Amino acid sequence: MPQTLAEDVRDAAEARALGDEYITALGKIINSHVRNEAAGAAVFDEPSISLAPTPREKWLACRMAMEEYGHHLKFNKLANELGLEDAHSRPPLSVFDYQVESWTGYVMTKAVVDLAEIVLMEDLCECSYVPLRRLCRSLMPEERFHVGFGATAARQLAADPAAREEVRSSAHRLITMTLPFFGRSDSRNNELFRRWGIKRLTNDEARAEFVRRTRTLLCDELGLDYPEVETRWHGTTS
């Protein structure tokens, strides 16, 4: 692996001065967040509002939908500053094929899928591109609130014998669906990101961290079993 870029890249002008490869690498990261923040709000958060069992939980779902759309707009602003092409030319990640059909299913998207987002965003908090680094650091409190909400609600639901199996089955399905979220094990894009100091972790390292944290949630906190998974992924799903 070539030595990573050490200098801070302070703005879009400095990024462009580094050349097309750096802009392309940034574009892949930023546009992915533009797509997926909007997809999460539309596919997970909006449907949950009608599924929420109490006014307080409806308010929380509304708040999280608002915050996710806000993240979309902030990443889109970065994309516009860099003159990136339309972020929606590619589909969102396959985890957003998950259909939220119950409040329990929604709670587990927050506990599991948003935890994957935290793992990725923590890495970007040390990014060489200062505007992206600052944005990710500023969004972390909201992301942690979303995951904290999911974990707290999951503990409450798992304590109810009538809801426990749905918590388990939703968690297993979401964990399996989220593993490709981190990208291929042999990703050339990831090599590019690390070479330019945009990311530090390999895709497999990020995926292993996600597995570690979700295993702690399911096994240690909820007293549930964990699905059989691999921390390597080569672009196929079972």
Protein backbone atom coordinates (compact mmCIF):
# COMPACT_ATOMS: atom_id res chain seq x y z
CA MET A 1 0.00 0.00 0.00
CA PRO A 2 1.51 3.38 -0.99
CA GLN A 3 1.96 5.95 1.76
CA THR A 4 -1.30 7.73 2.51
CA LEU A 5 -1.87 11.42 1.94
CA ALA A 6 -0.81 13.22 5.12
CA GLU A 7 -1.86 16.82 4.49
CA ASP A 8 -5.25 18.28 5.27
CA VAL A 9 -7.18 19.16 2.11
CA ARG A 10 -9.01 22.23 3.30
CA ASP A 11 -11.60 22.91 0.60
CA ALA A 12 -12.90 22.02 -2.85
CA ALA A 13 -10.24 24.12 -4.58
CA GLU A 14 -7.43 22.23 -2.86
CA ALA A 15 -9.15 18.94 -3.65
CA ARG A 16 -9.36 19.82 -7.34
CA ALA A 17 -5.70 20.82 -7.32
CA LEU A 18 -4.80 17.26 -6.35
CA GLY A 19 -6.33 15.97 -9.56
CA ASP A 20 -9.10 13.79 -10.87
CA GLU A 21 -8.20 10.68 -8.86
CA TYR A 22 -8.75 12.42 -5.53
CA ILE A 23 -12.02 14.00 -6.71
CA THR A 24 -13.22 10.65 -8.04
CA ALA A 25 -12.43 8.95 -4.74
CA LEU A 26 -14.21 11.64 -2.74
CA GLY A 27 -17.12 11.50 -5.14
CA LYS A 28 -17.68 7.81 -4.61
CA ILE A 29 -17.85 8.29 -0.83
CA ILE A 30 -19.93 11.47 -0.79
CA ASN A 31 -22.41 10.38 -3.45
CA SER A 32 -22.93 7.08 -1.65
CA HIS A 33 -23.97 9.02 1.45
CA VAL A 34 -26.21 11.32 -0.61
CA ARG A 35 -28.08 8.28 -1.95
CA ASN A 36 -28.18 6.19 1.16
CA GLU A 37 -29.13 8.87 3.69
CA ALA A 38 -32.20 9.69 1.57
CA ALA A 39 -32.98 6.00 1.04
CA GLY A 40 -32.83 5.27 4.77
CA ALA A 41 -35.21 8.10 5.56
CA ALA A 42 -37.67 7.11 2.84
CA VAL A 43 -37.53 3.32 3.25
CA PHE A 44 -37.06 2.94 7.02
CA ASP A 45 -38.07 6.11 8.85
CA GLU A 46 -41.11 7.38 6.98
CA PRO A 47 -43.07 4.08 7.08
CA SER A 48 -42.30 3.73 10.78
CA ILE A 49 -44.31 6.83 11.69
CA SER A 50 -47.62 5.08 11.02
CA LEU A 51 -46.35 1.89 12.70
CA ALA A 52 -45.27 3.62 15.93
CA PRO A 53 -47.51 2.51 18.82
CA THR A 54 -47.58 5.78 20.80
CA PRO A 55 -47.49 9.53 20.06
CA ARG A 56 -44.04 9.77 21.66
CA GLU A 57 -42.67 7.04 19.40
CA LYS A 58 -44.28 8.69 16.37
CA TRP A 59 -42.50 11.90 17.35
CA LEU A 60 -39.19 10.05 17.65
CA ALA A 61 -39.68 8.45 14.23
CA CYS A 62 -40.47 11.87 12.74
CA ARG A 63 -37.36 13.31 14.37
CA MET A 64 -35.14 10.59 12.97
CA ALA A 65 -36.65 10.92 9.49
CA MET A 66 -36.01 14.68 9.63
CA GLU A 67 -32.42 14.16 10.74
CA GLU A 68 -31.69 11.57 8.03
CA TYR A 69 -33.06 13.87 5.33
CA GLY A 70 -30.92 16.61 6.86
CA HIS A 71 -27.85 14.39 6.49
CA HIS A 72 -28.78 13.84 2.85
CA LEU A 73 -28.94 17.58 2.24
CA LYS A 74 -25.59 18.22 3.95
CA PHE A 75 -23.78 15.53 1.97
CA ASN A 76 -25.45 16.86 -1.18
CA LYS A 77 -24.03 20.30 -0.40
CA LEU A 78 -20.52 18.79 -0.31
CA ALA A 79 -21.20 17.07 -3.62
CA ASN A 80 -22.29 20.35 -5.20
CA GLU A 81 -19.20 22.16 -3.92
CA LEU A 82 -17.02 19.58 -5.67
CA GLY A 83 -19.10 19.65 -8.86
CA LEU A 84 -19.88 15.97 -8.60
CA GLU A 85 -22.24 14.30 -11.06
CA ASP A 86 -25.74 13.22 -10.10
CA ALA A 87 -25.50 11.01 -7.02
CA HIS A 88 -28.68 9.18 -7.98
CA SER A 89 -27.26 7.71 -11.17
CA ARG A 90 -26.69 4.54 -9.11
CA PRO A 91 -29.19 2.75 -6.84
CA PRO A 92 -28.92 2.81 -3.05
CA LEU A 93 -27.41 -0.16 -1.22
CA SER A 94 -29.25 -3.48 -1.20
CA VAL A 95 -29.96 -3.29 2.56
CA PHE A 96 -32.63 -0.74 1.67
CA ASP A 97 -34.60 -3.54 0.03
CA TYR A 98 -35.62 -4.48 3.57
CA GLN A 99 -39.32 -3.82 4.08
CA VAL A 100 -40.31 -2.26 7.42
CA GLU A 101 -43.60 -3.94 8.28
CA SER A 102 -43.71 -3.52 12.05
CA TRP A 103 -42.44 -1.26 14.81
CA THR A 104 -40.07 -4.01 15.94
CA GLY A 105 -38.66 -4.27 12.43
CA TYR A 106 -38.04 -0.53 12.41
CA VAL A 107 -36.38 -0.54 15.83
CA MET A 108 -33.92 -3.14 14.57
CA THR A 109 -33.01 -1.06 11.51
CA LYS A 110 -31.89 1.65 13.91
CA ALA A 111 -30.00 -0.78 16.14
CA VAL A 112 -28.30 -2.61 13.26
CA VAL A 113 -28.16 -0.62 10.01
CA ASP A 114 -27.47 2.71 11.66
CA LEU A 115 -24.68 1.03 13.62
CA ALA A 116 -23.05 0.12 10.31
CA GLU A 117 -23.31 3.78 9.33
CA ILE A 118 -21.55 4.78 12.55
CA VAL A 119 -18.67 2.39 11.83
CA LEU A 120 -18.20 3.95 8.40
CA MET A 121 -18.64 7.49 9.61
CA GLU A 122 -16.17 7.07 12.47
CA ASP A 123 -13.53 6.22 9.87
CA LEU A 124 -14.42 9.33 7.86
CA CYS A 125 -14.02 11.46 10.99
CA GLU A 126 -10.27 11.22 10.28
CA CYS A 127 -10.63 11.88 6.54
CA SER A 128 -7.99 13.96 4.73
CA TYR A 129 -10.74 16.10 3.14
CA VAL A 130 -11.50 18.56 5.92
CA PRO A 131 -15.11 19.46 4.89
CA LEU A 132 -16.06 15.77 4.88
CA ARG A 133 -14.25 15.18 8.17
CA ARG A 134 -16.05 18.11 9.82
CA LEU A 135 -19.42 17.07 8.48
CA CYS A 136 -19.07 13.50 9.75
CA ARG A 137 -17.96 14.69 13.17
CA SER A 138 -20.94 17.04 13.35
CA LEU A 139 -23.38 14.26 12.45
CA MET A 140 -22.09 11.70 14.92
CA PRO A 141 -24.29 12.84 17.86
CA GLU A 142 -27.44 12.30 15.77
CA GLU A 143 -26.22 8.95 14.45
CA ARG A 144 -25.42 7.81 17.98
CA PHE A 145 -28.86 8.96 19.13
CA HIS A 146 -30.47 6.81 16.39
CA VAL A 147 -28.48 3.72 17.39
CA GLY A 148 -29.04 4.37 21.08
CA PHE A 149 -32.77 4.60 20.48
CA GLY A 150 -32.71 1.32 18.55
CA ALA A 151 -30.66 -0.52 21.17
CA THR A 152 -32.80 0.74 24.07
CA ALA A 153 -36.06 -0.15 22.33
CA ALA A 154 -34.63 -3.55 21.30
CA ARG A 155 -33.81 -4.35 24.93
CA GLN A 156 -37.35 -3.45 25.96
CA LEU A 157 -38.88 -5.54 23.18
CA ALA A 158 -36.58 -8.53 23.77
CA ALA A 159 -37.74 -8.62 27.38
CA ASP A 160 -41.29 -9.30 26.13
CA PRO A 161 -41.73 -13.02 25.30
CA ALA A 162 -44.33 -12.12 22.66
CA ALA A 163 -41.86 -9.86 20.78
CA ARG A 164 -38.59 -11.69 21.40
CA GLU A 165 -38.65 -13.93 18.31
CA GLU A 166 -39.41 -10.99 16.01
CA VAL A 167 -36.49 -9.07 17.50
CA ARG A 168 -34.26 -12.09 16.81
CA SER A 169 -35.46 -12.76 13.27
CA SER A 170 -35.32 -9.07 12.31
CA ALA A 171 -31.81 -8.74 13.73
CA HIS A 172 -30.55 -11.86 11.95
CA ARG A 173 -31.97 -10.76 8.61
CA LEU A 174 -30.70 -7.20 8.91
CA ILE A 175 -27.21 -8.23 9.99
CA THR A 176 -26.94 -10.56 7.00
CA MET A 177 -28.28 -7.91 4.63
CA THR A 178 -25.94 -5.25 6.04
CA LEU A 179 -22.66 -7.14 5.58
CA PRO A 180 -22.31 -6.06 1.89
CA PHE A 181 -22.80 -2.44 3.08
CA PHE A 182 -19.04 -2.27 3.67
CA GLY A 183 -17.99 -3.30 0.17
CA ARG A 184 -16.00 -6.14 -1.35
CA SER A 185 -13.04 -7.67 0.39
CA ASP A 186 -10.83 -7.08 -2.66
CA SER A 187 -12.12 -3.57 -3.37
CA ARG A 188 -9.91 -1.37 -5.53
CA ASN A 189 -12.01 1.58 -4.45
CA ASN A 190 -11.04 0.95 -0.83
CA GLU A 191 -7.35 0.85 -1.81
CA LEU A 192 -7.84 4.22 -3.48
CA PHE A 193 -9.60 5.68 -0.44
CA ARG A 194 -6.80 4.57 1.88
CA ARG A 195 -4.08 5.74 -0.46
CA TRP A 196 -5.52 9.26 -0.36
CA GLY A 197 -6.19 9.23 3.37
CA ILE A 198 -9.96 9.34 2.91
CA LYS A 199 -10.39 6.07 4.83
CA ARG A 200 -8.13 4.14 7.18
CA LEU A 201 -9.90 0.79 7.46
CA THR A 202 -10.15 -1.95 4.88
CA ASN A 203 -13.68 -3.07 4.08
CA ASP A 204 -13.11 -6.29 5.99
CA GLU A 205 -11.81 -4.42 9.04
CA ALA A 206 -14.92 -2.22 9.06
CA ARG A 207 -17.16 -5.26 8.57
CA ALA A 208 -15.43 -7.10 11.44
CA GLU A 209 -16.01 -4.09 13.71
CA PHE A 210 -19.70 -4.09 12.78
CA VAL A 211 -19.91 -7.81 13.58
CA ARG A 212 -18.17 -7.25 16.92
CA ARG A 213 -20.58 -4.50 17.95
CA THR A 214 -23.75 -6.22 16.77
CA ARG A 215 -22.63 -9.46 18.47
CA THR A 216 -22.29 -7.50 21.72
CA LEU A 217 -25.83 -6.15 21.24
CA LEU A 218 -27.47 -9.46 20.40
CA CYS A 219 -25.56 -11.86 22.62
CA ASP A 220 -24.50 -9.78 25.62
CA GLU A 221 -27.33 -7.25 25.85
CA LEU A 222 -30.35 -9.07 24.39
CA GLY A 223 -29.39 -12.65 25.25
CA LEU A 224 -29.98 -13.82 21.68
CA ASP A 225 -27.93 -15.97 19.35
CA TYR A 226 -25.95 -14.54 16.45
CA PRO A 227 -26.30 -15.54 12.80
CA GLU A 228 -23.48 -17.38 11.05
CA VAL A 229 -21.62 -14.73 9.07
CA GLU A 230 -18.32 -14.13 7.30
CA THR A 231 -16.32 -10.92 7.62
CA ARG A 232 -15.15 -11.32 4.04
CA TRP A 233 -17.47 -10.57 1.11
CA HIS A 234 -16.71 -10.99 -2.58
CA GLY A 235 -19.81 -9.55 -4.15
CA THR A 236 -22.28 -12.42 -3.99
CA THR A 237 -25.12 -13.05 -1.59
CA SER A 238 -26.72 -16.32 -0.60
